[in-house]
Amino acid sequence: MYVPFGEINIVVVVVFRLLLDHAKRSFYRAANSIFSKIGSIASEEIVLQLVKSKCIPVLLYGLEACELTEAQTASLEFVINRFFVKLFSTNNIETVKFCQEFLC
């Protein structure tokens, strides 16, 4: 059983645990909306700035109050990596990591 609490779902179990599915789904929706509207005509810097200001807060909402497991952290990193893969049209994770370090 889970209890919806804003954008965060709290799972009722013995150990406190969060479901990040809704946050990740909302991030993908918002990022895809930006790509569909201006992805082909705007520069990568503009798209990145829009995603940083509009989509990242959706993904990270309320997480500062909770301790994430390594699996949850890896899951959130995967979402960000997939965004960079789409933004720069590459499948090379080394290129993605370099772009993240350079741009963020």
PDB file of N, CA and C in Angstrom:
ATOM      1  N   MET A   1       0.842  -1.179   0.000  1.00  0.00           N
ATOM      2  CA  MET A   1       0.000   0.000   0.000  1.00  0.00           C
ATOM      3  C   MET A   1       0.882   1.235   0.000  1.00  0.00           C
ATOM      4  N   TYR A   2       0.475   2.256  -0.737  1.00  0.00           N
ATOM      5  CA  TYR A   2       1.224   3.500  -0.696  1.00  0.00           C
ATOM      6  C   TYR A   2       0.273   4.657  -0.473  1.00  0.00           C
ATOM      7  N   VAL A   3       0.811   5.713   0.109  1.00  0.00           N
ATOM      8  CA  VAL A   3       0.029   6.902   0.415  1.00  0.00           C
ATOM      9  C   VAL A   3       0.554   8.039  -0.444  1.00  0.00           C
ATOM     10  N   PRO A   4      -0.264   8.588  -1.373  1.00  0.00           N
ATOM     11  CA  PRO A   4       0.217   9.705  -2.178  1.00  0.00           C
ATOM     12  C   PRO A   4       0.370  10.953  -1.315  1.00  0.00           C
ATOM     13  N   PHE A   5       1.477  11.622  -1.483  1.00  0.00           N
ATOM     14  CA  PHE A   5       1.780  12.817  -0.707  1.00  0.00           C
ATOM     15  C   PHE A   5       2.409  13.831  -1.652  1.00  0.00           C
ATOM     16  N   GLY A   6       1.584  14.619  -2.323  1.00  0.00           N
ATOM     17  CA  GLY A   6       2.103  15.559  -3.311  1.00  0.00           C
ATOM     18  C   GLY A   6       2.684  14.782  -4.476  1.00  0.00           C
ATOM     19  N   GLU A   7       3.908  15.061  -4.815  1.00  0.00           N
ATOM     20  CA  GLU A   7       4.592  14.385  -5.896  1.00  0.00           C
ATOM     21  C   GLU A   7       5.354  13.166  -5.406  1.00  0.00           C
ATOM     22  N   ILE A   8       5.394  12.937  -4.096  1.00  0.00           N
ATOM     23  CA  ILE A   8       6.141  11.830  -3.523  1.00  0.00           C
ATOM     24  C   ILE A   8       5.151  10.792  -3.024  1.00  0.00           C
ATOM     25  N   ASN A   9       5.421   9.525  -3.293  1.00  0.00           N
ATOM     26  CA  ASN A   9       4.591   8.442  -2.785  1.00  0.00           C
ATOM     27  C   ASN A   9       5.325   7.770  -1.641  1.00  0.00           C
ATOM     28  N   ILE A  10       4.694   7.690  -0.508  1.00  0.00           N
ATOM     29  CA  ILE A  10       5.289   7.055   0.661  1.00  0.00           C
ATOM     30  C   ILE A  10       4.740   5.638   0.750  1.00  0.00           C
ATOM     31  N   VAL A  11       5.633   4.664   0.756  1.00  0.00           N
ATOM     32  CA  VAL A  11       5.251   3.266   0.820  1.00  0.00           C
ATOM     33  C   VAL A  11       5.119   2.861   2.283  1.00  0.00           C
ATOM     34  N   VAL A  12       4.025   2.187   2.609  1.00  0.00           N
ATOM     35  CA  VAL A  12       3.796   1.751   3.979  1.00  0.00           C
ATOM     36  C   VAL A  12       4.448   0.380   4.143  1.00  0.00           C
ATOM     37  N   VAL A  13       5.619   0.377   4.783  1.00  0.00           N
ATOM     38  CA  VAL A  13       6.368  -0.847   5.059  1.00  0.00           C
ATOM     39  C   VAL A  13       7.080  -0.666   6.390  1.00  0.00           C
ATOM     40  N   VAL A  14       7.810  -1.662   6.801  1.00  0.00           N
ATOM     41  CA  VAL A  14       8.549  -1.586   8.056  1.00  0.00           C
ATOM     42  C   VAL A  14       9.665  -0.550   7.953  1.00  0.00           C
ATOM     43  N   VAL A  15      10.328  -0.498   6.807  1.00  0.00           N
ATOM     44  CA  VAL A  15      11.408   0.452   6.567  1.00  0.00           C
ATOM     45  C   VAL A  15      10.867   1.571   5.693  1.00  0.00           C
ATOM     46  N   PHE A  16      11.184   2.821   6.035  1.00  0.00           N
ATOM     47  CA  PHE A  16      10.725   3.964   5.254  1.00  0.00           C
ATOM     48  C   PHE A  16      11.356   3.916   3.868  1.00  0.00           C
ATOM     49  N   ARG A  17      10.519   4.007   2.844  1.00  0.00           N
ATOM     50  CA  ARG A  17      10.991   3.911   1.479  1.00  0.00           C
ATOM     51  C   ARG A  17      10.129   4.806   0.601  1.00  0.00           C
ATOM     52  N   LEU A  18      10.727   5.378  -0.419  1.00  0.00           N
ATOM     53  CA  LEU A  18      10.011   6.248  -1.347  1.00  0.00           C
ATOM     54  C   LEU A  18       9.874   5.589  -2.708  1.00  0.00           C
ATOM     55  N   LEU A  19       8.779   5.872  -3.383  1.00  0.00           N
ATOM     56  CA  LEU A  19       8.621   5.490  -4.779  1.00  0.00           C
ATOM     57  C   LEU A  19       8.922   6.724  -5.624  1.00  0.00           C
ATOM     58  N   LEU A  20       9.853   6.591  -6.531  1.00  0.00           N
ATOM     59  CA  LEU A  20      10.252   7.719  -7.366  1.00  0.00           C
ATOM     60  C   LEU A  20       9.645   7.659  -8.757  1.00  0.00           C
ATOM     61  N   ASP A  21       8.787   6.692  -9.010  1.00  0.00           N
ATOM     62  CA  ASP A  21       8.225   6.505 -10.342  1.00  0.00           C
ATOM     63  C   ASP A  21       7.469   7.726 -10.841  1.00  0.00           C
ATOM     64  N   HIS A  22       6.652   8.314  -9.991  1.00  0.00           N
ATOM     65  CA  HIS A  22       5.860   9.471 -10.408  1.00  0.00           C
ATOM     66  C   HIS A  22       6.770  10.664 -10.729  1.00  0.00           C
ATOM     67  N   ALA A  23       7.779  10.885  -9.910  1.00  0.00           N
ATOM     68  CA  ALA A  23       8.706  11.997 -10.156  1.00  0.00           C
ATOM     69  C   ALA A  23       9.463  11.793 -11.460  1.00  0.00           C
ATOM     70  N   LYS A  24       9.915  10.567 -11.713  1.00  0.00           N
ATOM     71  CA  LYS A  24      10.642  10.293 -12.958  1.00  0.00           C
ATOM     72  C   LYS A  24       9.729  10.439 -14.164  1.00  0.00           C
ATOM     73  N   ARG A  25       8.510   9.953 -14.053  1.00  0.00           N
ATOM     74  CA  ARG A  25       7.548  10.063 -15.148  1.00  0.00           C
ATOM     75  C   ARG A  25       7.228  11.537 -15.436  1.00  0.00           C
ATOM     76  N   SER A  26       7.072  12.324 -14.391  1.00  0.00           N
ATOM     77  CA  SER A  26       6.798  13.761 -14.564  1.00  0.00           C
ATOM     78  C   SER A  26       7.978  14.475 -15.203  1.00  0.00           C
ATOM     79  N   PHE A  27       9.200  14.093 -14.819  1.00  0.00           N
ATOM     80  CA  PHE A  27      10.390  14.672 -15.437  1.00  0.00           C
ATOM     81  C   PHE A  27      10.415  14.369 -16.930  1.00  0.00           C
ATOM     82  N   TYR A  28      10.187  13.100 -17.288  1.00  0.00           N
ATOM     83  CA  TYR A  28      10.199  12.724 -18.704  1.00  0.00           C
ATOM     84  C   TYR A  28       9.134  13.479 -19.485  1.00  0.00           C
ATOM     85  N   ARG A  29       7.938  13.616 -18.905  1.00  0.00           N
ATOM     86  CA  ARG A  29       6.876  14.364 -19.584  1.00  0.00           C
ATOM     87  C   ARG A  29       7.281  15.807 -19.828  1.00  0.00           C
ATOM     88  N   ALA A  30       7.829  16.454 -18.797  1.00  0.00           N
ATOM     89  CA  ALA A  30       8.222  17.857 -18.929  1.00  0.00           C
ATOM     90  C   ALA A  30       9.379  18.021 -19.917  1.00  0.00           C
ATOM     91  N   ALA A  31      10.373  17.142 -19.835  1.00  0.00           N
ATOM     92  CA  ALA A  31      11.520  17.234 -20.749  1.00  0.00           C
ATOM     93  C   ALA A  31      11.090  16.955 -22.187  1.00  0.00           C
ATOM     94  N   ASN A  32      10.244  15.968 -22.397  1.00  0.00           N
ATOM     95  CA  ASN A  32       9.762  15.668 -23.746  1.00  0.00           C
ATOM     96  C   ASN A  32       8.922  16.807 -24.294  1.00  0.00           C
ATOM     97  N   SER A  33       8.201  17.484 -23.432  1.00  0.00           N
ATOM     98  CA  SER A  33       7.429  18.642 -23.867  1.00  0.00           C
ATOM     99  C   SER A  33       8.355  19.745 -24.368  1.00  0.00           C
ATOM    100  N   ILE A  34       9.442  19.979 -23.651  1.00  0.00           N
ATOM    101  CA  ILE A  34      10.409  20.988 -24.078  1.00  0.00           C
ATOM    102  C   ILE A  34      11.037  20.579 -25.408  1.00  0.00           C
ATOM    103  N   PHE A  35      11.435  19.310 -25.524  1.00  0.00           N
ATOM    104  CA  PHE A  35      12.025  18.835 -26.777  1.00  0.00           C
ATOM    105  C   PHE A  35      11.059  18.959 -27.937  1.00  0.00           C
ATOM    106  N   SER A  36       9.804  18.638 -27.717  1.00  0.00           N
ATOM    107  CA  SER A  36       8.838  18.691 -28.814  1.00  0.00           C
ATOM    108  C   SER A  36       8.545  20.113 -29.259  1.00  0.00           C
ATOM    109  N   LYS A  37       8.622  21.069 -28.339  1.00  0.00           N
ATOM    110  CA  LYS A  37       8.321  22.457 -28.692  1.00  0.00           C
ATOM    111  C   LYS A  37       9.514  23.174 -29.336  1.00  0.00           C
ATOM    112  N   ILE A  38      10.703  23.016 -28.748  1.00  0.00           N
ATOM    113  CA  ILE A  38      11.841  23.803 -29.235  1.00  0.00           C
ATOM    114  C   ILE A  38      13.104  23.004 -29.477  1.00  0.00           C
ATOM    115  N   GLY A  39      13.039  21.686 -29.314  1.00  0.00           N
ATOM    116  CA  GLY A  39      14.235  20.862 -29.399  1.00  0.00           C
ATOM    117  C   GLY A  39      14.998  20.980 -30.701  1.00  0.00           C
ATOM    118  N   SER A  40      14.309  21.115 -31.800  1.00  0.00           N
ATOM    119  CA  SER A  40      14.997  21.143 -33.088  1.00  0.00           C
ATOM    120  C   SER A  40      15.470  22.537 -33.487  1.00  0.00           C
ATOM    121  N   ILE A  41      14.925  23.577 -32.870  1.00  0.00           N
ATOM    122  CA  ILE A  41      15.301  24.936 -33.292  1.00  0.00           C
ATOM    123  C   ILE A  41      16.182  25.668 -32.286  1.00  0.00           C
ATOM    124  N   ALA A  42      16.195  25.208 -31.049  1.00  0.00           N
ATOM    125  CA  ALA A  42      16.981  25.891 -30.016  1.00  0.00           C
ATOM    126  C   ALA A  42      18.324  25.194 -29.827  1.00  0.00           C
ATOM    127  N   SER A  43      19.275  25.939 -29.315  1.00  0.00           N
ATOM    128  CA  SER A  43      20.589  25.364 -29.040  1.00  0.00           C
ATOM    129  C   SER A  43      20.511  24.460 -27.809  1.00  0.00           C
ATOM    130  N   GLU A  44      21.534  23.624 -27.650  1.00  0.00           N
ATOM    131  CA  GLU A  44      21.586  22.720 -26.501  1.00  0.00           C
ATOM    132  C   GLU A  44      21.625  23.490 -25.189  1.00  0.00           C
ATOM    133  N   GLU A  45      22.290  24.651 -25.184  1.00  0.00           N
ATOM    134  CA  GLU A  45      22.384  25.451 -23.965  1.00  0.00           C
ATOM    135  C   GLU A  45      21.011  25.936 -23.513  1.00  0.00           C
ATOM    136  N   ILE A  46      20.182  26.339 -24.458  1.00  0.00           N
ATOM    137  CA  ILE A  46      18.838  26.826 -24.120  1.00  0.00           C
ATOM    138  C   ILE A  46      17.979  25.682 -23.600  1.00  0.00           C
ATOM    139  N   VAL A  47      18.023  24.550 -24.286  1.00  0.00           N
ATOM    140  CA  VAL A  47      17.250  23.394 -23.838  1.00  0.00           C
ATOM    141  C   VAL A  47      17.713  22.961 -22.454  1.00  0.00           C
ATOM    142  N   LEU A  48      19.017  22.933 -22.238  1.00  0.00           N
ATOM    143  CA  LEU A  48      19.560  22.543 -20.937  1.00  0.00           C
ATOM    144  C   LEU A  48      19.107  23.504 -19.843  1.00  0.00           C
ATOM    145  N   GLN A  49      19.128  24.793 -20.114  1.00  0.00           N
ATOM    146  CA  GLN A  49      18.702  25.775 -19.115  1.00  0.00           C
ATOM    147  C   GLN A  49      17.220  25.619 -18.785  1.00  0.00           C
ATOM    148  N   LEU A  50      16.405  25.379 -19.797  1.00  0.00           N
ATOM    149  CA  LEU A  50      14.977  25.164 -19.555  1.00  0.00           C
ATOM    150  C   LEU A  50      14.732  23.903 -18.720  1.00  0.00           C
ATOM    151  N   VAL A  51      15.456  22.845 -19.034  1.00  0.00           N
ATOM    152  CA  VAL A  51      15.288  21.608 -18.276  1.00  0.00           C
ATOM    153  C   VAL A  51      15.777  21.791 -16.847  1.00  0.00           C
ATOM    154  N   LYS A  52      16.888  22.504 -16.670  1.00  0.00           N
ATOM    155  CA  LYS A  52      17.392  22.745 -15.316  1.00  0.00           C
ATOM    156  C   LYS A  52      16.412  23.562 -14.490  1.00  0.00           C
ATOM    157  N   SER A  53      15.738  24.518 -15.111  1.00  0.00           N
ATOM    158  CA  SER A  53      14.842  25.385 -14.341  1.00  0.00           C
ATOM    159  C   SER A  53      13.432  24.823 -14.200  1.00  0.00           C
ATOM    160  N   LYS A  54      12.979  23.997 -15.147  1.00  0.00           N
ATOM    161  CA  LYS A  54      11.596  23.518 -15.115  1.00  0.00           C
ATOM    162  C   LYS A  54      11.448  22.039 -14.769  1.00  0.00           C
ATOM    163  N   CYS A  55      12.392  21.208 -15.179  1.00  0.00           N
ATOM    164  CA  CYS A  55      12.219  19.762 -15.033  1.00  0.00           C
ATOM    165  C   CYS A  55      12.962  19.176 -13.836  1.00  0.00           C
ATOM    166  N   ILE A  56      14.167  19.636 -13.576  1.00  0.00           N
ATOM    167  CA  ILE A  56      14.949  19.108 -12.460  1.00  0.00           C
ATOM    168  C   ILE A  56      14.227  19.318 -11.127  1.00  0.00           C
ATOM    169  N   PRO A  57      13.611  20.481 -10.877  1.00  0.00           N
ATOM    170  CA  PRO A  57      12.860  20.627  -9.618  1.00  0.00           C
ATOM    171  C   PRO A  57      11.721  19.611  -9.477  1.00  0.00           C
ATOM    172  N   VAL A  58      11.094  19.235 -10.586  1.00  0.00           N
ATOM    173  CA  VAL A  58      10.038  18.220 -10.555  1.00  0.00           C
ATOM    174  C   VAL A  58      10.619  16.881 -10.121  1.00  0.00           C
ATOM    175  N   LEU A  59      11.809  16.560 -10.616  1.00  0.00           N
ATOM    176  CA  LEU A  59      12.449  15.291 -10.292  1.00  0.00           C
ATOM    177  C   LEU A  59      12.926  15.241  -8.842  1.00  0.00           C
ATOM    178  N   LEU A  60      13.427  16.355  -8.339  1.00  0.00           N
ATOM    179  CA  LEU A  60      14.056  16.361  -7.020  1.00  0.00           C
ATOM    180  C   LEU A  60      13.160  16.870  -5.895  1.00  0.00           C
ATOM    181  N   TYR A  61      11.907  17.181  -6.199  1.00  0.00           N
ATOM    182  CA  TYR A  61      10.996  17.743  -5.207  1.00  0.00           C
ATOM    183  C   TYR A  61      10.896  16.856  -3.968  1.00  0.00           C
ATOM    184  N   GLY A  62      11.209  17.415  -2.816  1.00  0.00           N
ATOM    185  CA  GLY A  62      11.056  16.738  -1.541  1.00  0.00           C
ATOM    186  C   GLY A  62      12.138  15.744  -1.186  1.00  0.00           C
ATOM    187  N   LEU A  63      13.096  15.516  -2.062  1.00  0.00           N
ATOM    188  CA  LEU A  63      14.104  14.488  -1.794  1.00  0.00           C
ATOM    189  C   LEU A  63      15.153  14.914  -0.779  1.00  0.00           C
ATOM    190  N   GLU A  64      15.288  16.219  -0.541  1.00  0.00           N
ATOM    191  CA  GLU A  64      16.273  16.667   0.440  1.00  0.00           C
ATOM    192  C   GLU A  64      15.868  16.263   1.858  1.00  0.00           C
ATOM    193  N   ALA A  65      14.609  15.926   2.048  1.00  0.00           N
ATOM    194  CA  ALA A  65      14.131  15.530   3.368  1.00  0.00           C
ATOM    195  C   ALA A  65      14.297  14.037   3.635  1.00  0.00           C
ATOM    196  N   CYS A  66      14.705  13.302   2.625  1.00  0.00           N
ATOM    197  CA  CYS A  66      14.795  11.850   2.756  1.00  0.00           C
ATOM    198  C   CYS A  66      16.180  11.356   2.361  1.00  0.00           C
ATOM    199  N   GLU A  67      16.577  10.269   2.991  1.00  0.00           N
ATOM    200  CA  GLU A  67      17.835   9.631   2.613  1.00  0.00           C
ATOM    201  C   GLU A  67      17.536   8.598   1.533  1.00  0.00           C
ATOM    202  N   LEU A  68      18.226   8.714   0.395  1.00  0.00           N
ATOM    203  CA  LEU A  68      18.010   7.796  -0.713  1.00  0.00           C
ATOM    204  C   LEU A  68      18.968   6.620  -0.628  1.00  0.00           C
ATOM    205  N   THR A  69      18.501   5.481  -1.092  1.00  0.00           N
ATOM    206  CA  THR A  69      19.373   4.315  -1.181  1.00  0.00           C
ATOM    207  C   THR A  69      20.268   4.469  -2.411  1.00  0.00           C
ATOM    208  N   GLU A  70      21.273   3.619  -2.511  1.00  0.00           N
ATOM    209  CA  GLU A  70      22.155   3.657  -3.682  1.00  0.00           C
ATOM    210  C   GLU A  70      21.366   3.352  -4.955  1.00  0.00           C
ATOM    211  N   ALA A  71      20.425   2.441  -4.869  1.00  0.00           N
ATOM    212  CA  ALA A  71      19.611   2.090  -6.032  1.00  0.00           C
ATOM    213  C   ALA A  71      18.747   3.271  -6.480  1.00  0.00           C
ATOM    214  N   GLN A  72      18.182   4.001  -5.526  1.00  0.00           N
ATOM    215  CA  GLN A  72      17.365   5.164  -5.874  1.00  0.00           C
ATOM    216  C   GLN A  72      18.226   6.266  -6.487  1.00  0.00           C
ATOM    217  N   THR A  73      19.419   6.476  -5.934  1.00  0.00           N
ATOM    218  CA  THR A  73      20.331   7.467  -6.491  1.00  0.00           C
ATOM    219  C   THR A  73      20.728   7.083  -7.912  1.00  0.00           C
ATOM    220  N   ALA A  74      21.031   5.820  -8.126  1.00  0.00           N
ATOM    221  CA  ALA A  74      21.387   5.343  -9.467  1.00  0.00           C
ATOM    222  C   ALA A  74      20.215   5.502 -10.423  1.00  0.00           C
ATOM    223  N   SER A  75      19.013   5.285  -9.935  1.00  0.00           N
ATOM    224  CA  SER A  75      17.821   5.441 -10.764  1.00  0.00           C
ATOM    225  C   SER A  75      17.639   6.889 -11.207  1.00  0.00           C
ATOM    226  N   LEU A  76      17.871   7.835 -10.300  1.00  0.00           N
ATOM    227  CA  LEU A  76      17.774   9.253 -10.652  1.00  0.00           C
ATOM    228  C   LEU A  76      18.892   9.660 -11.600  1.00  0.00           C
ATOM    229  N   GLU A  77      20.095   9.133 -11.389  1.00  0.00           N
ATOM    230  CA  GLU A  77      21.205   9.427 -12.299  1.00  0.00           C
ATOM    231  C   GLU A  77      20.910   8.898 -13.692  1.00  0.00           C
ATOM    232  N   PHE A  78      20.266   7.740 -13.781  1.00  0.00           N
ATOM    233  CA  PHE A  78      19.904   7.175 -15.068  1.00  0.00           C
ATOM    234  C   PHE A  78      18.962   8.110 -15.824  1.00  0.00           C
ATOM    235  N   VAL A  79      18.008   8.691 -15.118  1.00  0.00           N
ATOM    236  CA  VAL A  79      17.065   9.627 -15.748  1.00  0.00           C
ATOM    237  C   VAL A  79      17.828  10.815 -16.343  1.00  0.00           C
ATOM    238  N   ILE A  80      18.764  11.368 -15.583  1.00  0.00           N
ATOM    239  CA  ILE A  80      19.547  12.505 -16.065  1.00  0.00           C
ATOM    240  C   ILE A  80      20.428  12.082 -17.241  1.00  0.00           C
ATOM    241  N   ASN A  81      21.043  10.910 -17.136  1.00  0.00           N
ATOM    242  CA  ASN A  81      21.880  10.426 -18.234  1.00  0.00           C
ATOM    243  C   ASN A  81      21.080  10.241 -19.512  1.00  0.00           C
ATOM    244  N   ARG A  82      19.873   9.701 -19.396  1.00  0.00           N
ATOM    245  CA  ARG A  82      19.016   9.514 -20.582  1.00  0.00           C
ATOM    246  C   ARG A  82      18.661  10.866 -21.213  1.00  0.00           C
ATOM    247  N   PHE A  83      18.454  11.883 -20.382  1.00  0.00           N
ATOM    248  CA  PHE A  83      18.185  13.209 -20.919  1.00  0.00           C
ATOM    249  C   PHE A  83      19.367  13.707 -21.745  1.00  0.00           C
ATOM    250  N   PHE A  84      20.591  13.542 -21.219  1.00  0.00           N
ATOM    251  CA  PHE A  84      21.773  13.981 -21.945  1.00  0.00           C
ATOM    252  C   PHE A  84      21.996  13.158 -23.213  1.00  0.00           C
ATOM    253  N   VAL A  85      21.693  11.872 -23.163  1.00  0.00           N
ATOM    254  CA  VAL A  85      21.801  11.038 -24.364  1.00  0.00           C
ATOM    255  C   VAL A  85      20.890  11.581 -25.451  1.00  0.00           C
ATOM    256  N   LYS A  86      19.687  11.937 -25.083  1.00  0.00           N
ATOM    257  CA  LYS A  86      18.735  12.476 -26.059  1.00  0.00           C
ATOM    258  C   LYS A  86      19.150  13.868 -26.527  1.00  0.00           C
ATOM    259  N   LEU A  87      19.616  14.698 -25.610  1.00  0.00           N
ATOM    260  CA  LEU A  87      19.992  16.068 -25.956  1.00  0.00           C
ATOM    261  C   LEU A  87      21.150  16.103 -26.941  1.00  0.00           C
ATOM    262  N   PHE A  88      22.159  15.260 -26.713  1.00  0.00           N
ATOM    263  CA  PHE A  88      23.352  15.288 -27.551  1.00  0.00           C
ATOM    264  C   PHE A  88      23.401  14.159 -28.574  1.00  0.00           C
ATOM    265  N   SER A  89      22.340  13.409 -28.703  1.00  0.00           N
ATOM    266  CA  SER A  89      22.231  12.330 -29.701  1.00  0.00           C
ATOM    267  C   SER A  89      23.442  11.408 -29.689  1.00  0.00           C
ATOM    268  N   THR A  90      23.745  10.877 -28.528  1.00  0.00           N
ATOM    269  CA  THR A  90      24.863   9.957 -28.384  1.00  0.00           C
ATOM    270  C   THR A  90      24.480   8.822 -27.452  1.00  0.00           C
ATOM    271  N   ASN A  91      25.140   7.698 -27.616  1.00  0.00           N
ATOM    272  CA  ASN A  91      24.944   6.580 -26.699  1.00  0.00           C
ATOM    273  C   ASN A  91      26.197   6.310 -25.883  1.00  0.00           C
ATOM    274  N   ASN A  92      27.214   7.120 -26.068  1.00  0.00           N
ATOM    275  CA  ASN A  92      28.479   6.953 -25.367  1.00  0.00           C
ATOM    276  C   ASN A  92      28.378   7.597 -23.990  1.00  0.00           C
ATOM    277  N   ILE A  93      28.451   6.788 -22.937  1.00  0.00           N
ATOM    278  CA  ILE A  93      28.291   7.302 -21.581  1.00  0.00           C
ATOM    279  C   ILE A  93      29.444   8.217 -21.200  1.00  0.00           C
ATOM    280  N   GLU A  94      30.634   8.000 -21.750  1.00  0.00           N
ATOM    281  CA  GLU A  94      31.767   8.880 -21.465  1.00  0.00           C
ATOM    282  C   GLU A  94      31.509  10.289 -22.003  1.00  0.00           C
ATOM    283  N   THR A  95      30.922  10.371 -23.180  1.00  0.00           N
ATOM    284  CA  THR A  95      30.556  11.673 -23.747  1.00  0.00           C
ATOM    285  C   THR A  95      29.499  12.347 -22.882  1.00  0.00           C
ATOM    286  N   VAL A  96      28.543  11.568 -22.418  1.00  0.00           N
ATOM    287  CA  VAL A  96      27.480  12.099 -21.559  1.00  0.00           C
ATOM    288  C   VAL A  96      28.077  12.650 -20.272  1.00  0.00           C
ATOM    289  N   LYS A  97      28.961  11.888 -19.631  1.00  0.00           N
ATOM    290  CA  LYS A  97      29.590  12.347 -18.382  1.00  0.00           C
ATOM    291  C   LYS A  97      30.424  13.605 -18.606  1.00  0.00           C
ATOM    292  N   PHE A  98      31.155  13.666 -19.731  1.00  0.00           N
ATOM    293  CA  PHE A  98      31.946  14.865 -20.037  1.00  0.00           C
ATOM    294  C   PHE A  98      31.036  16.078 -20.209  1.00  0.00           C
ATOM    295  N   CYS A  99      29.936  15.916 -20.930  1.00  0.00           N
ATOM    296  CA  CYS A  99      28.996  17.022 -21.142  1.00  0.00           C
ATOM    297  C   CYS A  99      28.366  17.465 -19.835  1.00  0.00           C
ATOM    298  N   GLN A 100      28.064  16.518 -18.952  1.00  0.00           N
ATOM    299  CA  GLN A 100      27.494  16.875 -17.656  1.00  0.00           C
ATOM    300  C   GLN A 100      28.477  17.697 -16.834  1.00  0.00           C
ATOM    301  N   GLU A 101      29.731  17.295 -16.814  1.00  0.00           N
ATOM    302  CA  GLU A 101      30.743  18.033 -16.062  1.00  0.00           C
ATOM    303  C   GLU A 101      30.985  19.403 -16.659  1.00  0.00           C
ATOM    304  N   PHE A 102      30.993  19.489 -17.964  1.00  0.00           N
ATOM    305  CA  PHE A 102      31.284  20.746 -18.641  1.00  0.00           C
ATOM    306  C   PHE A 102      30.134  21.738 -18.531  1.00  0.00           C
ATOM    307  N   LEU A 103      28.910  21.265 -18.623  1.00  0.00           N
ATOM    308  CA  LEU A 103      27.757  22.156 -18.692  1.00  0.00           C
ATOM    309  C   LEU A 103      27.082  22.424 -17.351  1.00  0.00           C
ATOM    310  N   CYS A 104      27.235  21.547 -16.389  1.00  0.00           N
ATOM    311  CA  CYS A 104      26.498  21.735 -15.135  1.00  0.00           C
ATOM    312  C   CYS A 104      27.335  22.273 -14.036  1.00  0.00           C
TER     313      CYS A 104
END
